[in-house]
PDB file of N, CA and C in Angstrom:
ATOM      1  N   MET A   1       0.867  -0.906   0.055  1.00  0.00           N
ATOM      2  CA  MET A   1      -0.038   0.062  -0.080  1.00  0.00           C
ATOM      3  C   MET A   1       0.764   1.183  -0.035  1.00  0.00           C
ATOM      4  N   GLU A   2       2.026   1.379   0.595  1.00  0.00           N
ATOM      5  CA  GLU A   2       2.651   2.476   1.088  1.00  0.00           C
ATOM      6  C   GLU A   2       3.629   2.679  -0.415  1.00  0.00           C
ATOM      7  N   ASP A   3       3.931   1.524  -0.765  1.00  0.00           N
ATOM      8  CA  ASP A   3       4.378   1.994  -2.567  1.00  0.00           C
ATOM      9  C   ASP A   3       3.940   2.541  -3.749  1.00  0.00           C
ATOM     10  N   GLU A   4       2.346   1.967  -3.486  1.00  0.00           N
ATOM     11  CA  GLU A   4       1.193   2.448  -4.187  1.00  0.00           C
ATOM     12  C   GLU A   4       1.042   4.321  -4.135  1.00  0.00           C
ATOM     13  N   VAL A   5       0.887   4.496  -2.853  1.00  0.00           N
ATOM     14  CA  VAL A   5       0.806   5.884  -2.629  1.00  0.00           C
ATOM     15  C   VAL A   5       2.066   6.748  -3.012  1.00  0.00           C
ATOM     16  N   GLU A   6       2.782   6.114  -2.784  1.00  0.00           N
ATOM     17  CA  GLU A   6       4.513   6.510  -3.086  1.00  0.00           C
ATOM     18  C   GLU A   6       4.697   7.038  -4.712  1.00  0.00           C
ATOM     19  N   ASN A   7       4.041   5.686  -5.329  1.00  0.00           N
ATOM     20  CA  ASN A   7       4.393   5.946  -6.783  1.00  0.00           C
ATOM     21  C   ASN A   7       3.275   6.957  -7.233  1.00  0.00           C
ATOM     22  N   SER A   8       2.320   6.959  -6.653  1.00  0.00           N
ATOM     23  CA  SER A   8       1.040   7.928  -7.225  1.00  0.00           C
ATOM     24  C   SER A   8       1.682   9.332  -6.506  1.00  0.00           C
ATOM     25  N   PHE A   9       1.993   9.720  -5.596  1.00  0.00           N
ATOM     26  CA  PHE A   9       2.450  10.956  -5.265  1.00  0.00           C
ATOM     27  C   PHE A   9       3.857  11.338  -6.477  1.00  0.00           C
ATOM     28  N   ASP A  10       4.608  10.469  -6.917  1.00  0.00           N
ATOM     29  CA  ASP A  10       5.571  10.781  -7.801  1.00  0.00           C
ATOM     30  C   ASP A  10       4.917  10.990  -9.190  1.00  0.00           C
ATOM     31  N   ARG A  11       3.898  10.369  -9.437  1.00  0.00           N
ATOM     32  CA  ARG A  11       3.507  10.675 -10.703  1.00  0.00           C
ATOM     33  C   ARG A  11       2.815  11.853 -10.907  1.00  0.00           C
ATOM     34  N   VAL A  12       2.166  12.687  -9.780  1.00  0.00           N
ATOM     35  CA  VAL A  12       1.397  13.775  -9.816  1.00  0.00           C
ATOM     36  C   VAL A  12       2.859  14.915  -9.739  1.00  0.00           C
ATOM     37  N   MET A  13       3.606  14.829  -8.838  1.00  0.00           N
ATOM     38  CA  MET A  13       4.822  15.712  -8.529  1.00  0.00           C
ATOM     39  C   MET A  13       5.359  15.722 -10.173  1.00  0.00           C
ATOM     40  N   ALA A  14       5.449  14.583 -10.742  1.00  0.00           N
ATOM     41  CA  ALA A  14       6.392  14.721 -11.990  1.00  0.00           C
ATOM     42  C   ALA A  14       5.322  15.385 -12.850  1.00  0.00           C
ATOM     43  N   GLU A  15       3.953  15.632 -12.945  1.00  0.00           N
ATOM     44  CA  GLU A  15       3.084  16.261 -13.891  1.00  0.00           C
ATOM     45  C   GLU A  15       3.175  17.480 -13.477  1.00  0.00           C
ATOM     46  N   HIS A  16       3.316  17.862 -12.076  1.00  0.00           N
ATOM     47  CA  HIS A  16       3.333  19.198 -11.713  1.00  0.00           C
ATOM     48  C   HIS A  16       4.811  20.122 -12.121  1.00  0.00           C
ATOM     49  N   MET A  17       5.773  19.340 -12.050  1.00  0.00           N
ATOM     50  CA  MET A  17       7.277  19.442 -12.366  1.00  0.00           C
ATOM     51  C   MET A  17       6.949  20.046 -14.047  1.00  0.00           C
ATOM     52  N   ALA A  18       6.450  19.046 -14.603  1.00  0.00           N
ATOM     53  CA  ALA A  18       6.427  19.406 -16.633  1.00  0.00           C
ATOM     54  C   ALA A  18       5.610  20.255 -16.705  1.00  0.00           C
ATOM     55  N   GLN A  19       4.491  21.005 -15.710  1.00  0.00           N
ATOM     56  CA  GLN A  19       3.361  21.911 -16.266  1.00  0.00           C
ATOM     57  C   GLN A  19       4.369  23.199 -15.824  1.00  0.00           C
ATOM     58  N   ARG A  20       5.068  22.933 -14.563  1.00  0.00           N
ATOM     59  CA  ARG A  20       5.408  24.156 -13.657  1.00  0.00           C
ATOM     60  C   ARG A  20       6.732  24.816 -14.353  1.00  0.00           C
ATOM     61  N   TYR A  21       7.654  23.916 -14.745  1.00  0.00           N
ATOM     62  CA  TYR A  21       9.119  24.216 -14.942  1.00  0.00           C
ATOM     63  C   TYR A  21       9.116  23.325 -16.441  1.00  0.00           C
ATOM     64  N   VAL A  22       8.985  23.786 -17.438  1.00  0.00           N
ATOM     65  CA  VAL A  22       8.871  23.440 -18.687  1.00  0.00           C
ATOM     66  C   VAL A  22      10.173  23.316 -19.404  1.00  0.00           C
ATOM     67  N   ALA A  23      11.142  24.067 -18.816  1.00  0.00           N
ATOM     68  CA  ALA A  23      12.389  23.966 -19.628  1.00  0.00           C
ATOM     69  C   ALA A  23      13.118  22.858 -18.849  1.00  0.00           C
ATOM     70  N   ALA A  24      13.180  22.953 -18.079  1.00  0.00           N
ATOM     71  CA  ALA A  24      13.865  22.057 -17.058  1.00  0.00           C
ATOM     72  C   ALA A  24      13.463  20.700 -17.201  1.00  0.00           C
ATOM     73  N   PHE A  25      11.975  20.446 -17.304  1.00  0.00           N
ATOM     74  CA  PHE A  25      11.425  19.083 -17.667  1.00  0.00           C
ATOM     75  C   PHE A  25      11.950  18.538 -18.897  1.00  0.00           C
ATOM     76  N   THR A  26      11.700  19.600 -20.089  1.00  0.00           N
ATOM     77  CA  THR A  26      12.176  18.950 -21.156  1.00  0.00           C
ATOM     78  C   THR A  26      13.662  18.609 -21.123  1.00  0.00           C
ATOM     79  N   CYS A  27      14.465  19.420 -20.647  1.00  0.00           N
ATOM     80  CA  CYS A  27      15.807  19.387 -20.752  1.00  0.00           C
ATOM     81  C   CYS A  27      15.947  17.943 -20.156  1.00  0.00           C
ATOM     82  N   ALA A  28      15.211  17.759 -19.018  1.00  0.00           N
ATOM     83  CA  ALA A  28      15.674  16.157 -18.039  1.00  0.00           C
ATOM     84  C   ALA A  28      15.013  15.202 -19.019  1.00  0.00           C
ATOM     85  N   GLN A  29      14.154  15.569 -19.675  1.00  0.00           N
ATOM     86  CA  GLN A  29      13.763  14.441 -20.446  1.00  0.00           C
ATOM     87  C   GLN A  29      14.526  13.896 -21.634  1.00  0.00           C
ATOM     88  N   HIS A  30      15.211  14.530 -21.993  1.00  0.00           N
ATOM     89  CA  HIS A  30      16.576  14.484 -22.998  1.00  0.00           C
ATOM     90  C   HIS A  30      17.381  13.823 -22.411  1.00  0.00           C
ATOM     91  N   VAL A  31      18.064  14.168 -21.547  1.00  0.00           N
ATOM     92  CA  VAL A  31      19.105  13.470 -20.557  1.00  0.00           C
ATOM     93  C   VAL A  31      18.460  12.266 -20.305  1.00  0.00           C
ATOM     94  N   ILE A  32      17.237  12.131 -19.825  1.00  0.00           N
ATOM     95  CA  ILE A  32      16.755  10.565 -19.176  1.00  0.00           C
ATOM     96  C   ILE A  32      16.714  10.005 -20.516  1.00  0.00           C
ATOM     97  N   THR A  33      16.528  10.269 -21.679  1.00  0.00           N
ATOM     98  CA  THR A  33      16.196   9.414 -23.116  1.00  0.00           C
ATOM     99  C   THR A  33      17.691   9.233 -23.261  1.00  0.00           C
ATOM    100  N   TYR A  34      18.671  10.148 -22.928  1.00  0.00           N
ATOM    101  CA  TYR A  34      20.127   9.526 -23.230  1.00  0.00           C
ATOM    102  C   TYR A  34      20.431   8.337 -22.304  1.00  0.00           C
ATOM    103  N   VAL A  35      20.176   8.799 -21.288  1.00  0.00           N
ATOM    104  CA  VAL A  35      20.975   7.754 -20.181  1.00  0.00           C
ATOM    105  C   VAL A  35      19.931   6.413 -20.345  1.00  0.00           C
ATOM    106  N   ALA A  36      18.697   6.394 -20.323  1.00  0.00           N
ATOM    107  CA  ALA A  36      17.852   4.953 -20.526  1.00  0.00           C
ATOM    108  C   ALA A  36      18.847   4.574 -21.861  1.00  0.00           C
ATOM    109  N   LYS A  37      18.953   5.045 -23.301  1.00  0.00           N
ATOM    110  CA  LYS A  37      19.465   4.241 -24.202  1.00  0.00           C
ATOM    111  C   LYS A  37      20.911   3.836 -23.820  1.00  0.00           C
ATOM    112  N   GLN A  38      21.911   4.422 -23.238  1.00  0.00           N
ATOM    113  CA  GLN A  38      23.139   3.927 -22.696  1.00  0.00           C
ATOM    114  C   GLN A  38      22.934   3.330 -21.651  1.00  0.00           C
ATOM    115  N   THR A  39      22.370   3.127 -20.940  1.00  0.00           N
ATOM    116  CA  THR A  39      22.195   2.069 -19.473  1.00  0.00           C
ATOM    117  C   THR A  39      21.102   0.930 -19.833  1.00  0.00           C
ATOM    118  N   GLN A  40      20.419   0.961 -20.734  1.00  0.00           N
ATOM    119  CA  GLN A  40      19.546   0.060 -21.003  1.00  0.00           C
ATOM    120  C   GLN A  40      18.199  -0.324 -19.905  1.00  0.00           C
ATOM    121  N   ARG A  41      18.334   0.821 -19.403  1.00  0.00           N
ATOM    122  CA  ARG A  41      17.681   0.946 -18.062  1.00  0.00           C
ATOM    123  C   ARG A  41      16.556   2.130 -17.808  1.00  0.00           C
ATOM    124  N   GLN A  42      15.594   1.717 -17.460  1.00  0.00           N
ATOM    125  CA  GLN A  42      14.214   2.618 -17.294  1.00  0.00           C
ATOM    126  C   GLN A  42      14.339   3.868 -15.864  1.00  0.00           C
ATOM    127  N   VAL A  43      14.183   4.795 -16.279  1.00  0.00           N
ATOM    128  CA  VAL A  43      14.160   6.156 -15.359  1.00  0.00           C
ATOM    129  C   VAL A  43      12.608   6.179 -14.504  1.00  0.00           C
ATOM    130  N   ASN A  44      12.722   6.206 -13.414  1.00  0.00           N
ATOM    131  CA  ASN A  44      11.679   6.431 -12.993  1.00  0.00           C
ATOM    132  C   ASN A  44      10.977   7.502 -12.378  1.00  0.00           C
ATOM    133  N   ASP A  45      10.391   7.942 -12.076  1.00  0.00           N
ATOM    134  CA  ASP A  45       9.205   9.705 -11.934  1.00  0.00           C
ATOM    135  C   ASP A  45      10.232  10.193 -10.736  1.00  0.00           C
ATOM    136  N   ASN A  46      10.348   9.365  -9.726  1.00  0.00           N
ATOM    137  CA  ASN A  46      11.430   9.908  -8.722  1.00  0.00           C
ATOM    138  C   ASN A  46      12.728  10.374  -9.226  1.00  0.00           C
ATOM    139  N   GLU A  47      13.388   9.839  -9.992  1.00  0.00           N
ATOM    140  CA  GLU A  47      14.719  10.070 -10.623  1.00  0.00           C
ATOM    141  C   GLU A  47      14.375  11.470 -11.879  1.00  0.00           C
ATOM    142  N   LYS A  48      13.053  11.608 -12.298  1.00  0.00           N
ATOM    143  CA  LYS A  48      12.773  12.566 -13.382  1.00  0.00           C
ATOM    144  C   LYS A  48      12.691  13.847 -12.482  1.00  0.00           C
ATOM    145  N   ILE A  49      12.001  13.700 -11.457  1.00  0.00           N
ATOM    146  CA  ILE A  49      11.604  14.743 -10.436  1.00  0.00           C
ATOM    147  C   ILE A  49      13.117  15.617 -10.023  1.00  0.00           C
ATOM    148  N   TYR A  50      13.906  14.378  -9.431  1.00  0.00           N
ATOM    149  CA  TYR A  50      15.230  15.013  -8.810  1.00  0.00           C
ATOM    150  C   TYR A  50      16.004  15.723  -9.928  1.00  0.00           C
ATOM    151  N   LEU A  51      16.303  14.990 -11.113  1.00  0.00           N
ATOM    152  CA  LEU A  51      16.715  15.943 -12.043  1.00  0.00           C
ATOM    153  C   LEU A  51      16.257  17.086 -12.725  1.00  0.00           C
ATOM    154  N   THR A  52      15.198  16.970 -12.771  1.00  0.00           N
ATOM    155  CA  THR A  52      14.201  18.182 -13.050  1.00  0.00           C
ATOM    156  C   THR A  52      14.700  19.546 -12.100  1.00  0.00           C
ATOM    157  N   MET A  53      14.466  19.167 -10.705  1.00  0.00           N
ATOM    158  CA  MET A  53      14.654  19.983  -9.812  1.00  0.00           C
ATOM    159  C   MET A  53      15.987  20.776  -9.760  1.00  0.00           C
ATOM    160  N   HIS A  54      17.161  19.550 -10.186  1.00  0.00           N
ATOM    161  CA  HIS A  54      18.588  20.221  -9.749  1.00  0.00           C
ATOM    162  C   HIS A  54      18.761  21.125 -11.311  1.00  0.00           C
ATOM    163  N   LEU A  55      18.264  20.648 -12.481  1.00  0.00           N
ATOM    164  CA  LEU A  55      18.212  21.728 -13.675  1.00  0.00           C
ATOM    165  C   LEU A  55      18.069  23.314 -13.229  1.00  0.00           C
TER     166      LEU A  55
END
């Protein structure tokens, strides 16, 4: 149950970041796409939020 709440919060927060910080979120998406291709690993919402916040 706790994981579901956390995942739901991450999704909502990622959506908020995408709407509020468009340029940083777009840049983060480009970085995430590159990293995912290079590492063959999916990036979760929590990591997207972290990267967007630090750009």
